[in-house]
Full PDB file with SEQRES, HELIX, SHEET, SSBOND, CRYST1, ORIGX, SCALE, CONECT and MASTER records, all heavy atoms in Angstrom:
SEQRES   1 A   38  GLY SER LEU GLY ALA VAL GLN VAL GLY MET LEU GLN ALA          
SEQRES   2 A   38  LEU VAL GLU TYR GLY VAL ALA ALA ASP MET VAL VAL GLY          
SEQRES   3 A   38  SER SER VAL GLY SER ILE ASN GLY ALA TYR PHE ALA              
HELIX    1 AA1 SER A    2  GLY A    4  5                                   3    
HELIX    2 AA2 ALA A    5  TYR A   17  1                                  13    
HELIX    3 AA3 VAL A   29  PHE A   37  1                                   9    
CRYST1    1.000    1.000    1.000  90.00  90.00  90.00 P 1           1          
ORIGX1      1.000000  0.000000  0.000000        0.00000                         
ORIGX2      0.000000  1.000000  0.000000        0.00000                         
ORIGX3      0.000000  0.000000  1.000000        0.00000                         
SCALE1      1.000000  0.000000  0.000000        0.00000                         
SCALE2      0.000000  1.000000  0.000000        0.00000                         
SCALE3      0.000000  0.000000  1.000000        0.00000                         
ATOM      1  N   GLY A   1       0.817  -1.211   0.000  1.00  0.00           N  
ATOM      2  CA  GLY A   1       0.000   0.000   0.000  1.00  0.00           C  
ATOM      3  C   GLY A   1       0.848   1.257   0.000  1.00  0.00           C  
ATOM      4  O   GLY A   1       1.877   1.341  -0.681  1.00  0.00           O  
ATOM      5  N   SER A   2       0.458   2.244   0.791  1.00  0.00           N  
ATOM      6  CA  SER A   2       1.183   3.520   0.817  1.00  0.00           C  
ATOM      7  C   SER A   2       2.603   3.378   1.355  1.00  0.00           C  
ATOM      8  O   SER A   2       3.435   4.271   1.161  1.00  0.00           O  
ATOM      9  CB  SER A   2       0.415   4.548   1.653  1.00  0.00           C  
ATOM     10  OG  SER A   2       0.353   4.135   3.011  1.00  0.00           O  
ATOM     11  N   LEU A   3       2.887   2.250   2.032  1.00  0.00           N  
ATOM     12  CA  LEU A   3       4.250   2.027   2.513  1.00  0.00           C  
ATOM     13  C   LEU A   3       5.204   1.773   1.347  1.00  0.00           C  
ATOM     14  O   LEU A   3       6.421   1.736   1.544  1.00  0.00           O  
ATOM     15  CB  LEU A   3       4.287   0.843   3.495  1.00  0.00           C  
ATOM     16  CG  LEU A   3       3.420   0.985   4.754  1.00  0.00           C  
ATOM     17  CD1 LEU A   3       3.621  -0.210   5.673  1.00  0.00           C  
ATOM     18  CD2 LEU A   3       3.710   2.281   5.493  1.00  0.00           C  
ATOM     19  N   GLY A   4       4.658   1.626   0.148  1.00  0.00           N  
ATOM     20  CA  GLY A   4       5.497   1.544  -1.039  1.00  0.00           C  
ATOM     21  C   GLY A   4       6.369   2.772  -1.211  1.00  0.00           C  
ATOM     22  O   GLY A   4       7.354   2.741  -1.963  1.00  0.00           O  
ATOM     23  N   ALA A   5       6.043   3.856  -0.522  1.00  0.00           N  
ATOM     24  CA  ALA A   5       6.870   5.061  -0.572  1.00  0.00           C  
ATOM     25  C   ALA A   5       8.294   4.775  -0.115  1.00  0.00           C  
ATOM     26  O   ALA A   5       9.251   5.408  -0.606  1.00  0.00           O  
ATOM     27  CB  ALA A   5       6.260   6.164   0.292  1.00  0.00           C  
ATOM     28  N   VAL A   6       8.474   3.839   0.810  1.00  0.00           N  
ATOM     29  CA  VAL A   6       9.832   3.572   1.300  1.00  0.00           C  
ATOM     30  C   VAL A   6      10.725   3.037   0.193  1.00  0.00           C  
ATOM     31  O   VAL A   6      11.946   3.242   0.211  1.00  0.00           O  
ATOM     32  CB  VAL A   6       9.831   2.600   2.505  1.00  0.00           C  
ATOM     33  CG1 VAL A   6       8.914   3.083   3.612  1.00  0.00           C  
ATOM     34  CG2 VAL A   6       9.475   1.187   2.087  1.00  0.00           C  
ATOM     35  N   GLN A   7      10.128   2.363  -0.796  1.00  0.00           N  
ATOM     36  CA  GLN A   7      10.929   1.817  -1.890  1.00  0.00           C  
ATOM     37  C   GLN A   7      11.556   2.926  -2.730  1.00  0.00           C  
ATOM     38  O   GLN A   7      12.618   2.728  -3.325  1.00  0.00           O  
ATOM     39  CB  GLN A   7      10.063   0.907  -2.759  1.00  0.00           C  
ATOM     40  CG  GLN A   7       9.608  -0.349  -2.021  1.00  0.00           C  
ATOM     41  CD  GLN A   7       8.593  -1.163  -2.801  1.00  0.00           C  
ATOM     42  OE1 GLN A   7       7.927  -0.655  -3.699  1.00  0.00           O  
ATOM     43  NE2 GLN A   7       8.474  -2.426  -2.452  1.00  0.00           N  
ATOM     44  N   VAL A   8      10.921   4.084  -2.760  1.00  0.00           N  
ATOM     45  CA  VAL A   8      11.482   5.217  -3.502  1.00  0.00           C  
ATOM     46  C   VAL A   8      12.780   5.676  -2.837  1.00  0.00           C  
ATOM     47  O   VAL A   8      13.797   5.912  -3.506  1.00  0.00           O  
ATOM     48  CB  VAL A   8      10.471   6.370  -3.593  1.00  0.00           C  
ATOM     49  CG1 VAL A   8      11.061   7.536  -4.377  1.00  0.00           C  
ATOM     50  CG2 VAL A   8       9.174   5.901  -4.233  1.00  0.00           C  
ATOM     51  N   GLY A   9      12.752   5.808  -1.518  1.00  0.00           N  
ATOM     52  CA  GLY A   9      13.969   6.184  -0.799  1.00  0.00           C  
ATOM     53  C   GLY A   9      15.062   5.135  -0.938  1.00  0.00           C  
ATOM     54  O   GLY A   9      16.247   5.463  -1.094  1.00  0.00           O  
ATOM     55  N   MET A  10      14.674   3.852  -0.887  1.00  0.00           N  
ATOM     56  CA  MET A  10      15.642   2.776  -1.080  1.00  0.00           C  
ATOM     57  C   MET A  10      16.284   2.867  -2.457  1.00  0.00           C  
ATOM     58  O   MET A  10      17.506   2.743  -2.607  1.00  0.00           O  
ATOM     59  CB  MET A  10      14.953   1.421  -0.917  1.00  0.00           C  
ATOM     60  CG  MET A  10      14.490   1.100   0.491  1.00  0.00           C  
ATOM     61  SD  MET A  10      13.491  -0.415   0.511  1.00  0.00           S  
ATOM     62  CE  MET A  10      13.239  -0.633   2.283  1.00  0.00           C  
ATOM     63  N   LEU A  11      15.449   3.088  -3.483  1.00  0.00           N  
ATOM     64  CA  LEU A  11      15.957   3.203  -4.849  1.00  0.00           C  
ATOM     65  C   LEU A  11      16.940   4.351  -4.986  1.00  0.00           C  
ATOM     66  O   LEU A  11      17.981   4.222  -5.642  1.00  0.00           O  
ATOM     67  CB  LEU A  11      14.791   3.409  -5.820  1.00  0.00           C  
ATOM     68  CG  LEU A  11      14.039   2.179  -6.315  1.00  0.00           C  
ATOM     69  CD1 LEU A  11      12.855   2.612  -7.179  1.00  0.00           C  
ATOM     70  CD2 LEU A  11      14.955   1.256  -7.106  1.00  0.00           C  
ATOM     71  N   GLN A  12      16.610   5.486  -4.379  1.00  0.00           N  
ATOM     72  CA  GLN A  12      17.505   6.643  -4.469  1.00  0.00           C  
ATOM     73  C   GLN A  12      18.898   6.295  -3.954  1.00  0.00           C  
ATOM     74  O   GLN A  12      19.909   6.597  -4.593  1.00  0.00           O  
ATOM     75  CB  GLN A  12      16.932   7.812  -3.674  1.00  0.00           C  
ATOM     76  CG  GLN A  12      15.723   8.470  -4.320  1.00  0.00           C  
ATOM     77  CD  GLN A  12      15.112   9.547  -3.436  1.00  0.00           C  
ATOM     78  OE1 GLN A  12      15.258   9.519  -2.216  1.00  0.00           O  
ATOM     79  NE2 GLN A  12      14.424  10.487  -4.051  1.00  0.00           N  
ATOM     80  N   ALA A  13      18.949   5.647  -2.803  1.00  0.00           N  
ATOM     81  CA  ALA A  13      20.245   5.304  -2.214  1.00  0.00           C  
ATOM     82  C   ALA A  13      20.972   4.257  -3.047  1.00  0.00           C  
ATOM     83  O   ALA A  13      22.191   4.351  -3.267  1.00  0.00           O  
ATOM     84  CB  ALA A  13      20.037   4.801  -0.786  1.00  0.00           C  
ATOM     85  N   LEU A  14      20.260   3.251  -3.543  1.00  0.00           N  
ATOM     86  CA  LEU A  14      20.885   2.180  -4.315  1.00  0.00           C  
ATOM     87  C   LEU A  14      21.438   2.681  -5.648  1.00  0.00           C  
ATOM     88  O   LEU A  14      22.565   2.366  -6.026  1.00  0.00           O  
ATOM     89  CB  LEU A  14      19.860   1.063  -4.567  1.00  0.00           C  
ATOM     90  CG  LEU A  14      19.499   0.201  -3.356  1.00  0.00           C  
ATOM     91  CD1 LEU A  14      18.227  -0.602  -3.635  1.00  0.00           C  
ATOM     92  CD2 LEU A  14      20.647  -0.742  -2.994  1.00  0.00           C  
ATOM     93  N   VAL A  15      20.628   3.483  -6.354  1.00  0.00           N  
ATOM     94  CA  VAL A  15      21.059   3.968  -7.664  1.00  0.00           C  
ATOM     95  C   VAL A  15      22.203   4.974  -7.504  1.00  0.00           C  
ATOM     96  O   VAL A  15      23.149   4.988  -8.297  1.00  0.00           O  
ATOM     97  CB  VAL A  15      19.865   4.566  -8.442  1.00  0.00           C  
ATOM     98  CG1 VAL A  15      20.323   5.159  -9.768  1.00  0.00           C  
ATOM     99  CG2 VAL A  15      18.808   3.497  -8.689  1.00  0.00           C  
ATOM    100  N   GLU A  16      22.147   5.817  -6.486  1.00  0.00           N  
ATOM    101  CA  GLU A  16      23.257   6.741  -6.213  1.00  0.00           C  
ATOM    102  C   GLU A  16      24.563   5.980  -5.995  1.00  0.00           C  
ATOM    103  O   GLU A  16      25.639   6.424  -6.407  1.00  0.00           O  
ATOM    104  CB  GLU A  16      22.951   7.590  -4.972  1.00  0.00           C  
ATOM    105  CG  GLU A  16      22.110   8.814  -5.249  1.00  0.00           C  
ATOM    106  CD  GLU A  16      21.943   9.670  -3.999  1.00  0.00           C  
ATOM    107  OE1 GLU A  16      22.581   9.349  -2.966  1.00  0.00           O  
ATOM    108  OE2 GLU A  16      21.188  10.644  -4.049  1.00  0.00           O  
ATOM    109  N   TYR A  17      24.450   4.831  -5.341  1.00  0.00           N  
ATOM    110  CA  TYR A  17      25.641   4.031  -5.037  1.00  0.00           C  
ATOM    111  C   TYR A  17      26.147   3.288  -6.271  1.00  0.00           C  
ATOM    112  O   TYR A  17      27.256   2.764  -6.268  1.00  0.00           O  
ATOM    113  CB  TYR A  17      25.313   3.038  -3.916  1.00  0.00           C  
ATOM    114  CG  TYR A  17      26.519   2.340  -3.351  1.00  0.00           C  
ATOM    115  CD1 TYR A  17      27.441   3.026  -2.556  1.00  0.00           C  
ATOM    116  CD2 TYR A  17      26.754   0.988  -3.624  1.00  0.00           C  
ATOM    117  CE1 TYR A  17      28.554   2.377  -2.039  1.00  0.00           C  
ATOM    118  CE2 TYR A  17      27.861   0.334  -3.112  1.00  0.00           C  
ATOM    119  CZ  TYR A  17      28.754   1.030  -2.321  1.00  0.00           C  
ATOM    120  OH  TYR A  17      29.873   0.381  -1.813  1.00  0.00           O  
ATOM    121  N   GLY A  18      25.325   3.238  -7.312  1.00  0.00           N  
ATOM    122  CA  GLY A  18      25.747   2.594  -8.550  1.00  0.00           C  
ATOM    123  C   GLY A  18      25.218   1.195  -8.763  1.00  0.00           C  
ATOM    124  O   GLY A  18      25.678   0.477  -9.660  1.00  0.00           O  
ATOM    125  N   VAL A  19      24.246   0.788  -7.954  1.00  0.00           N  
ATOM    126  CA  VAL A  19      23.657  -0.543  -8.125  1.00  0.00           C  
ATOM    127  C   VAL A  19      22.692  -0.498  -9.307  1.00  0.00           C  
ATOM    128  O   VAL A  19      21.816   0.374  -9.377  1.00  0.00           O  
ATOM    129  CB  VAL A  19      22.904  -0.994  -6.854  1.00  0.00           C  
ATOM    130  CG1 VAL A  19      22.365  -2.417  -7.031  1.00  0.00           C  
ATOM    131  CG2 VAL A  19      23.820  -0.915  -5.646  1.00  0.00           C  
ATOM    132  N   ALA A  20      22.851  -1.422 -10.240  1.00  0.00           N  
ATOM    133  CA  ALA A  20      22.008  -1.463 -11.435  1.00  0.00           C  
ATOM    134  C   ALA A  20      21.239  -2.777 -11.476  1.00  0.00           C  
ATOM    135  O   ALA A  20      21.683  -3.791 -10.936  1.00  0.00           O  
ATOM    136  CB  ALA A  20      22.855  -1.311 -12.689  1.00  0.00           C  
ATOM    137  N   ALA A  21      20.095  -2.754 -12.129  1.00  0.00           N  
ATOM    138  CA  ALA A  21      19.243  -3.941 -12.249  1.00  0.00           C  
ATOM    139  C   ALA A  21      19.226  -4.431 -13.686  1.00  0.00           C  
ATOM    140  O   ALA A  21      19.172  -3.644 -14.626  1.00  0.00           O  
ATOM    141  CB  ALA A  21      17.824  -3.622 -11.785  1.00  0.00           C  
ATOM    142  N   ASP A  22      19.266  -5.753 -13.849  1.00  0.00           N  
ATOM    143  CA  ASP A  22      19.092  -6.364 -15.163  1.00  0.00           C  
ATOM    144  C   ASP A  22      17.633  -6.683 -15.433  1.00  0.00           C  
ATOM    145  O   ASP A  22      17.234  -6.898 -16.574  1.00  0.00           O  
ATOM    146  CB  ASP A  22      19.910  -7.657 -15.250  1.00  0.00           C  
ATOM    147  CG  ASP A  22      21.400  -7.405 -15.068  1.00  0.00           C  
ATOM    148  OD1 ASP A  22      21.953  -6.617 -15.856  1.00  0.00           O  
ATOM    149  OD2 ASP A  22      21.991  -7.979 -14.137  1.00  0.00           O  
ATOM    150  N   MET A  23      16.833  -6.742 -14.367  1.00  0.00           N  
ATOM    151  CA  MET A  23      15.399  -6.984 -14.492  1.00  0.00           C  
ATOM    152  C   MET A  23      14.708  -6.475 -13.239  1.00  0.00           C  
ATOM    153  O   MET A  23      15.350  -6.227 -12.212  1.00  0.00           O  
ATOM    154  CB  MET A  23      15.102  -8.476 -14.686  1.00  0.00           C  
ATOM    155  CG  MET A  23      15.295  -9.311 -13.438  1.00  0.00           C  
ATOM    156  SD  MET A  23      14.701 -11.009 -13.592  1.00  0.00           S  
ATOM    157  CE  MET A  23      16.029 -11.715 -14.558  1.00  0.00           C  
ATOM    158  N   VAL A  24      13.397  -6.346 -13.335  1.00  0.00           N  
ATOM    159  CA  VAL A  24      12.577  -5.883 -12.216  1.00  0.00           C  
ATOM    160  C   VAL A  24      11.417  -6.857 -12.047  1.00  0.00           C  
ATOM    161  O   VAL A  24      10.818  -7.302 -13.029  1.00  0.00           O  
ATOM    162  CB  VAL A  24      12.037  -4.464 -12.497  1.00  0.00           C  
ATOM    163  CG1 VAL A  24      10.904  -4.115 -11.560  1.00  0.00           C  
ATOM    164  CG2 VAL A  24      13.157  -3.436 -12.382  1.00  0.00           C  
ATOM    165  N   VAL A  25      11.123  -7.200 -10.798  1.00  0.00           N  
ATOM    166  CA  VAL A  25       9.965  -8.035 -10.490  1.00  0.00           C  
ATOM    167  C   VAL A  25       9.185  -7.338  -9.382  1.00  0.00           C  
ATOM    168  O   VAL A  25       9.766  -6.926  -8.376  1.00  0.00           O  
ATOM    169  CB  VAL A  25      10.386  -9.449 -10.032  1.00  0.00           C  
ATOM    170  CG1 VAL A  25       9.156 -10.322  -9.810  1.00  0.00           C  
ATOM    171  CG2 VAL A  25      11.323 -10.101 -11.042  1.00  0.00           C  
ATOM    172  N   GLY A  26       7.869  -7.182  -9.562  1.00  0.00           N  
ATOM    173  CA  GLY A  26       7.075  -6.457  -8.576  1.00  0.00           C  
ATOM    174  C   GLY A  26       5.719  -7.073  -8.340  1.00  0.00           C  
ATOM    175  O   GLY A  26       5.128  -7.685  -9.239  1.00  0.00           O  
ATOM    176  N   SER A  27       5.223  -6.905  -7.131  1.00  0.00           N  
ATOM    177  CA  SER A  27       3.913  -7.418  -6.747  1.00  0.00           C  
ATOM    178  C   SER A  27       3.158  -6.338  -5.990  1.00  0.00           C  
ATOM    179  O   SER A  27       3.741  -5.600  -5.190  1.00  0.00           O  
ATOM    180  CB  SER A  27       4.081  -8.660  -5.856  1.00  0.00           C  
ATOM    181  OG  SER A  27       2.839  -9.220  -5.506  1.00  0.00           O  
ATOM    182  N   SER A  28       1.855  -6.219  -6.254  1.00  0.00           N  
ATOM    183  CA  SER A  28       0.991  -5.253  -5.581  1.00  0.00           C  
ATOM    184  C   SER A  28       1.538  -3.841  -5.804  1.00  0.00           C  
ATOM    185  O   SER A  28       1.845  -3.477  -6.925  1.00  0.00           O  
ATOM    186  CB  SER A  28       0.861  -5.624  -4.098  1.00  0.00           C  
ATOM    187  OG  SER A  28      -0.252  -5.006  -3.516  1.00  0.00           O  
ATOM    188  N   VAL A  29       1.695  -3.025  -4.750  1.00  0.00           N  
ATOM    189  CA  VAL A  29       2.222  -1.672  -4.985  1.00  0.00           C  
ATOM    190  C   VAL A  29       3.637  -1.724  -5.562  1.00  0.00           C  
ATOM    191  O   VAL A  29       4.076  -0.821  -6.269  1.00  0.00           O  
ATOM    192  CB  VAL A  29       2.195  -0.829  -3.689  1.00  0.00           C  
ATOM    193  CG1 VAL A  29       3.274  -1.257  -2.716  1.00  0.00           C  
ATOM    194  CG2 VAL A  29       2.337   0.654  -4.006  1.00  0.00           C  
ATOM    195  N   GLY A  30       4.336  -2.823  -5.300  1.00  0.00           N  
ATOM    196  CA  GLY A  30       5.659  -3.006  -5.881  1.00  0.00           C  
ATOM    197  C   GLY A  30       5.626  -3.104  -7.393  1.00  0.00           C  
ATOM    198  O   GLY A  30       6.627  -2.831  -8.059  1.00  0.00           O  
ATOM    199  N   SER A  31       4.456  -3.466  -7.933  1.00  0.00           N  
ATOM    200  CA  SER A  31       4.339  -3.503  -9.394  1.00  0.00           C  
ATOM    201  C   SER A  31       4.355  -2.089  -9.971  1.00  0.00           C  
ATOM    202  O   SER A  31       4.855  -1.868 -11.077  1.00  0.00           O  
ATOM    203  CB  SER A  31       3.065  -4.241  -9.814  1.00  0.00           C  
ATOM    204  OG  SER A  31       1.890  -3.481  -9.553  1.00  0.00           O  
ATOM    205  N   ILE A  32       3.809  -1.136  -9.235  1.00  0.00           N  
ATOM    206  CA  ILE A  32       3.808   0.259  -9.688  1.00  0.00           C  
ATOM    207  C   ILE A  32       5.234   0.807  -9.684  1.00  0.00           C  
ATOM    208  O   ILE A  32       5.730   1.330 -10.688  1.00  0.00           O  
ATOM    209  CB  ILE A  32       2.897   1.125  -8.791  1.00  0.00           C  
ATOM    210  CG1 ILE A  32       1.437   0.642  -8.870  1.00  0.00           C  
ATOM    211  CG2 ILE A  32       2.998   2.591  -9.195  1.00  0.00           C  
ATOM    212  CD1 ILE A  32       0.502   1.378  -7.933  1.00  0.00           C  
ATOM    213  N   ASN A  33       5.915   0.671  -8.547  1.00  0.00           N  
ATOM    214  CA  ASN A  33       7.279   1.180  -8.449  1.00  0.00           C  
ATOM    215  C   ASN A  33       8.220   0.447  -9.401  1.00  0.00           C  
ATOM    216  O   ASN A  33       9.070   1.055 -10.048  1.00  0.00           O  
ATOM    217  CB  ASN A  33       7.783   1.053  -7.010  1.00  0.00           C  
ATOM    218  CG  ASN A  33       7.127   2.054  -6.076  1.00  0.00           C  
ATOM    219  OD1 ASN A  33       6.690   3.120  -6.500  1.00  0.00           O  
ATOM    220  ND2 ASN A  33       7.052   1.710  -4.799  1.00  0.00           N  
ATOM    221  N   GLY A  34       8.061  -0.884  -9.471  1.00  0.00           N  
ATOM    222  CA  GLY A  34       8.927  -1.665 -10.333  1.00  0.00           C  
ATOM    223  C   GLY A  34       8.734  -1.340 -11.797  1.00  0.00           C  
ATOM    224  O   GLY A  34       9.707  -1.192 -12.553  1.00  0.00           O  
ATOM    225  N   ALA A  35       7.468  -1.224 -12.217  1.00  0.00           N  
ATOM    226  CA  ALA A  35       7.193  -0.923 -13.620  1.00  0.00           C  
ATOM    227  C   ALA A  35       7.719   0.457 -13.988  1.00  0.00           C  
ATOM    228  O   ALA A  35       8.263   0.647 -15.081  1.00  0.00           O  
ATOM    229  CB  ALA A  35       5.687  -1.012 -13.887  1.00  0.00           C  
ATOM    230  N   TYR A  36       7.556   1.421 -13.093  1.00  0.00           N  
ATOM    231  CA  TYR A  36       8.067   2.760 -13.393  1.00  0.00           C  
ATOM    232  C   TYR A  36       9.585   2.741 -13.491  1.00  0.00           C  
ATOM    233  O   TYR A  36      10.164   3.304 -14.431  1.00  0.00           O  
ATOM    234  CB  TYR A  36       7.615   3.774 -12.345  1.00  0.00           C  
ATOM    235  CG  TYR A  36       8.019   5.176 -12.747  1.00  0.00           C  
ATOM    236  CD1 TYR A  36       7.191   5.954 -13.540  1.00  0.00           C  
ATOM    237  CD2 TYR A  36       9.263   5.686 -12.400  1.00  0.00           C  
ATOM    238  CE1 TYR A  36       7.587   7.215 -13.967  1.00  0.00           C  
ATOM    239  CE2 TYR A  36       9.661   6.928 -12.814  1.00  0.00           C  
ATOM    240  CZ  TYR A  36       8.821   7.700 -13.598  1.00  0.00           C  
ATOM    241  OH  TYR A  36       9.229   8.928 -14.035  1.00  0.00           O  
ATOM    242  N   PHE A  37      10.246   2.086 -12.535  1.00  0.00           N  
ATOM    243  CA  PHE A  37      11.713   2.053 -12.552  1.00  0.00           C  
ATOM    244  C   PHE A  37      12.233   1.343 -13.795  1.00  0.00           C  
ATOM    245  O   PHE A  37      13.252   1.741 -14.366  1.00  0.00           O  
ATOM    246  CB  PHE A  37      12.234   1.368 -11.288  1.00  0.00           C  
ATOM    247  CG  PHE A  37      13.734   1.331 -11.212  1.00  0.00           C  
ATOM    248  CD1 PHE A  37      14.457   2.487 -10.955  1.00  0.00           C  
ATOM    249  CD2 PHE A  37      14.431   0.146 -11.413  1.00  0.00           C  
ATOM    250  CE1 PHE A  37      15.851   2.464 -10.905  1.00  0.00           C  
ATOM    251  CE2 PHE A  37      15.809   0.116 -11.366  1.00  0.00           C  
ATOM    252  CZ  PHE A  37      16.526   1.274 -11.103  1.00  0.00           C  
ATOM    253  N   ALA A  38      11.535   0.299 -14.238  1.00  0.00           N  
ATOM    254  CA  ALA A  38      11.965  -0.426 -15.441  1.00  0.00           C  
ATOM    255  C   ALA A  38      11.926   0.462 -16.675  1.00  0.00           C  
ATOM    256  O   ALA A  38      12.661   0.238 -17.639  1.00  0.00           O  
ATOM    257  CB  ALA A  38      11.086  -1.660 -15.657  1.00  0.00           C  
TER     258      ALA A  38                                                      
MASTER        0    0    0    3    0    0    0    6  257    1    0    3          
END                                                                             
């Protein structure tokens, strides 16, 4: 649900550090964040 907001902060820190994804998998609100990031 709305706690999906924490994933945005996590992404900011991970991408700043240089972590890259070869694929994205998401469920429920994670599908929104995952699809956007992809």
